[in-house]
């Protein structure tokens, strides 16, 4: 059953994404985490402690969102881009609640990126977000794990394919790189080096 449109909540989220210096605090203060079921569900979704010792999916996602806001400000991003980057980081794991399982004693979330893209489109429609935001946002969520399937340096073909997909959706490899970087850094003691760097390097060679 579809939920009624909630453009007021949608507008509040967009304001925070475009303006808040610490989005995690602003989201909590405004009561928006509880107001958006997709965000509330992240707080009850566990993660494998080997890869995510920082805690549940909400803890991870809020940290990633704060990092994306800081990076956007460092890049002097326009409000529309800052909004995209912050929401991309906040929602990158929104597909985990529905896909998280315990398998052989480990917590996995196979297919969460692809499912997350579907949820972002549904969420965007419910919150009254414009398609010019929803489609690039969904693309960032769907592809934020693309680098995991590649061992070592990505091929030119892989980079070209990813870049083409992102640009067709209205975003860029540079935006994708911000989400990937924030995802990797928002893991507490298991923080990873920036996995987007090899992809950006190959993209520069293509250019």
Protein backbone atom coordinates (compact mmCIF):
# COMPACT_ATOMS: atom_id res chain seq x y z
CA UNK A 1 0.00 0.00 0.00
CA UNK A 2 1.46 3.39 -1.01
CA UNK A 3 1.86 6.13 1.55
CA UNK A 4 0.33 9.59 1.16
CA UNK A 5 2.61 12.28 -0.32
CA UNK A 6 4.66 14.09 2.30
CA UNK A 7 6.09 17.11 0.59
CA UNK A 8 6.68 18.95 3.87
CA UNK A 9 9.07 16.24 5.05
CA UNK A 10 10.63 16.16 1.61
CA UNK A 11 11.26 19.90 1.64
CA UNK A 12 12.77 19.74 5.13
CA UNK A 13 15.19 17.01 4.03
CA UNK A 14 16.23 19.04 1.01
CA UNK A 15 16.91 22.12 3.14
CA UNK A 16 19.12 20.14 5.50
CA UNK A 17 20.94 18.50 2.60
CA UNK A 18 21.67 21.87 1.01
CA UNK A 19 22.48 23.89 4.13
CA UNK A 20 23.17 21.98 7.38
CA UNK A 21 26.81 21.93 8.45
CA UNK A 22 26.18 18.76 10.48
CA UNK A 23 23.29 16.94 8.77
CA UNK A 24 23.11 14.14 11.34
CA UNK A 25 22.29 16.58 14.14
CA UNK A 26 19.87 18.57 12.02
CA UNK A 27 18.01 15.41 10.98
CA UNK A 28 17.66 14.28 14.59
CA UNK A 29 16.65 17.74 15.84
CA UNK A 30 13.94 17.98 13.18
CA UNK A 31 12.62 14.49 13.93
CA UNK A 32 13.12 13.47 10.33
CA UNK A 33 14.70 10.09 11.00
CA UNK A 34 11.55 8.84 12.68
CA UNK A 35 9.39 10.64 10.11
CA UNK A 36 10.93 8.71 7.20
CA UNK A 37 10.40 4.94 7.60
CA UNK A 38 13.31 4.15 5.28
CA UNK A 39 15.67 6.02 7.61
CA UNK A 40 14.14 4.69 10.83
CA UNK A 41 14.65 1.14 9.56
CA UNK A 42 18.40 1.70 9.32
CA UNK A 43 18.65 1.94 13.12
CA UNK A 44 17.46 -1.65 13.55
CA UNK A 45 19.63 -3.12 10.81
CA UNK A 46 22.89 -4.66 12.03
CA UNK A 47 26.14 -4.85 10.07
CA UNK A 48 29.01 -7.32 10.07
CA UNK A 49 31.40 -6.00 12.75
CA UNK A 50 34.43 -7.01 10.69
CA UNK A 51 33.53 -4.42 8.04
CA UNK A 52 31.40 -2.07 10.15
CA UNK A 53 32.57 -1.94 13.77
CA UNK A 54 30.99 1.51 14.09
CA UNK A 55 27.51 0.04 14.61
CA UNK A 56 24.20 -0.22 12.81
CA UNK A 57 23.38 1.10 9.35
CA UNK A 58 21.98 4.39 10.67
CA UNK A 59 25.18 5.19 12.58
CA UNK A 60 27.18 4.50 9.44
CA UNK A 61 24.87 6.44 7.13
CA UNK A 62 24.71 9.55 9.32
CA UNK A 63 28.50 9.63 9.59
CA UNK A 64 28.76 9.29 5.81
CA UNK A 65 26.27 12.14 5.36
CA UNK A 66 28.24 14.44 7.65
CA UNK A 67 31.42 13.65 5.73
CA UNK A 68 29.72 14.32 2.40
CA UNK A 69 28.50 17.71 3.63
CA UNK A 70 32.03 18.65 4.70
CA UNK A 71 33.49 17.54 1.37
CA UNK A 72 30.83 19.45 -0.55
CA UNK A 73 31.70 22.58 1.38
CA UNK A 74 35.41 22.06 0.77
CA UNK A 75 34.61 21.78 -2.93
CA UNK A 76 32.44 24.93 -2.76
CA UNK A 77 29.64 22.87 -4.26
CA UNK A 78 26.51 24.66 -5.41
CA UNK A 79 23.41 23.92 -3.29
CA UNK A 80 22.00 21.45 -5.83
CA UNK A 81 25.21 19.45 -5.89
CA UNK A 82 25.64 19.60 -2.12
CA UNK A 83 22.11 18.29 -1.78
CA UNK A 84 22.84 15.39 -4.14
CA UNK A 85 26.10 14.45 -2.42
CA UNK A 86 24.69 14.57 1.10
CA UNK A 87 21.58 12.57 0.20
CA UNK A 88 23.70 10.10 -1.79
CA UNK A 89 25.80 9.43 1.28
CA UNK A 90 22.80 9.35 3.62
CA UNK A 91 20.80 6.94 1.46
CA UNK A 92 23.55 4.80 -0.06
CA UNK A 93 22.66 1.84 2.20
CA UNK A 94 18.90 2.39 2.31
CA UNK A 95 18.45 -1.02 0.68
CA UNK A 96 20.08 -2.90 3.56
CA UNK A 97 17.05 -3.40 5.85
CA UNK A 98 15.30 -5.50 3.21
CA UNK A 99 18.39 -7.44 2.09
CA UNK A 100 20.31 -8.08 5.32
CA UNK A 101 20.62 -11.75 6.26
CA UNK A 102 22.82 -13.90 8.46
CA UNK A 103 24.63 -16.46 6.35
CA UNK A 104 27.11 -18.93 7.82
CA UNK A 105 27.50 -16.76 10.89
CA UNK A 106 28.16 -13.58 8.91
CA UNK A 107 25.85 -10.61 8.27
CA UNK A 108 25.41 -9.89 4.57
CA UNK A 109 23.27 -7.56 2.47
CA UNK A 110 23.55 -8.92 -1.06
CA UNK A 111 21.84 -6.74 -3.64
CA UNK A 112 21.34 -3.80 -1.30
CA UNK A 113 22.70 -1.23 -3.74
CA UNK A 114 20.32 -2.19 -6.53
CA UNK A 115 17.35 -2.43 -4.16
CA UNK A 116 18.36 0.92 -2.71
CA UNK A 117 17.95 2.56 -6.10
CA UNK A 118 14.37 1.30 -6.28
CA UNK A 119 13.66 2.63 -2.80
CA UNK A 120 15.14 6.03 -3.62
CA UNK A 121 12.79 6.38 -6.59
CA UNK A 122 9.80 5.42 -4.41
CA UNK A 123 10.94 7.73 -1.62
CA UNK A 124 11.54 10.62 -3.99
CA UNK A 125 8.05 10.29 -5.46
CA UNK A 126 6.47 10.19 -2.01
CA UNK A 127 8.41 13.21 -0.77
CA UNK A 128 7.77 15.27 -3.89
CA UNK A 129 11.40 15.50 -4.98
CA UNK A 130 12.08 16.53 -8.59
CA UNK A 131 13.18 13.94 -11.10
CA UNK A 132 16.31 16.00 -11.72
CA UNK A 133 17.39 14.98 -8.21
CA UNK A 134 15.85 11.52 -7.90
CA UNK A 135 17.38 9.94 -10.99
CA UNK A 136 21.00 10.95 -10.29
CA UNK A 137 20.51 10.09 -6.63
CA UNK A 138 19.19 6.62 -7.49
CA UNK A 139 22.13 6.09 -9.84
CA UNK A 140 24.65 6.97 -7.10
CA UNK A 141 22.96 4.55 -4.69
CA UNK A 142 22.76 1.74 -7.27
CA UNK A 143 26.42 2.02 -8.25
CA UNK A 144 28.13 2.83 -4.95
CA UNK A 145 29.43 -0.76 -4.75
CA UNK A 146 30.68 -0.93 -8.36
CA UNK A 147 34.30 -0.79 -7.27
CA UNK A 148 33.96 -3.92 -5.09
CA UNK A 149 33.70 -6.23 -8.10
CA UNK A 150 37.10 -5.10 -9.41
CA UNK A 151 40.41 -6.35 -8.07
CA UNK A 152 43.18 -3.79 -8.37
CA UNK A 153 43.10 -1.18 -11.12
CA UNK A 154 39.79 -0.97 -12.99
CA UNK A 155 39.87 -1.40 -16.74
CA UNK A 156 39.19 1.50 -19.05
CA UNK A 157 36.08 -0.32 -20.20
CA UNK A 158 34.75 -0.61 -16.63
CA UNK A 159 35.39 3.07 -15.90
CA UNK A 160 33.89 4.18 -19.20
CA UNK A 161 30.80 2.04 -18.61
CA UNK A 162 30.27 3.40 -15.09
CA UNK A 163 30.86 7.00 -16.15
CA UNK A 164 28.43 6.65 -19.05
CA UNK A 165 25.75 5.20 -16.78
CA UNK A 166 26.15 8.00 -14.24
CA UNK A 167 26.14 10.76 -16.83
CA UNK A 168 23.02 9.32 -18.47
CA UNK A 169 21.29 9.65 -15.09
CA UNK A 170 22.41 13.25 -14.63
CA UNK A 171 25.39 12.82 -12.31
CA UNK A 172 29.14 12.29 -12.64
CA UNK A 173 31.99 10.02 -11.69
CA UNK A 174 33.22 12.80 -9.39
CA UNK A 175 29.91 12.74 -7.48
CA UNK A 176 30.10 8.94 -7.29
CA UNK A 177 33.62 9.24 -5.91
CA UNK A 178 32.42 11.43 -3.04
CA UNK A 179 29.80 8.86 -2.01
CA UNK A 180 32.32 6.00 -2.27
CA UNK A 181 34.89 7.90 -0.23
CA UNK A 182 32.41 8.78 2.51
CA UNK A 183 31.14 5.19 2.63
CA UNK A 184 34.68 3.88 3.10
CA UNK A 185 35.65 6.47 5.72
CA UNK A 186 32.48 6.11 7.83
CA UNK A 187 33.45 2.70 9.19
CA UNK A 188 35.12 3.52 12.47
CA UNK A 189 38.20 1.38 13.08
CA UNK A 190 37.62 -0.41 9.76
CA UNK A 191 37.80 2.78 7.68
CA UNK A 192 39.17 2.09 4.21
CA UNK A 193 41.39 4.04 1.83
CA UNK A 194 39.46 5.93 -0.83
CA UNK A 195 38.39 3.23 -3.30
CA UNK A 196 37.39 5.82 -5.89
CA UNK A 197 40.94 7.02 -6.55
CA UNK A 198 41.90 4.32 -9.10
CA UNK A 199 38.66 4.97 -10.99
CA UNK A 200 39.29 8.70 -11.12
CA UNK A 201 42.86 8.06 -12.26
CA UNK A 202 41.76 5.85 -15.14
CA UNK A 203 39.04 8.36 -16.05
CA UNK A 204 41.69 11.09 -16.27
CA UNK A 205 43.69 8.89 -18.64
CA UNK A 206 40.60 8.45 -20.81
CA UNK A 207 40.23 12.21 -21.02
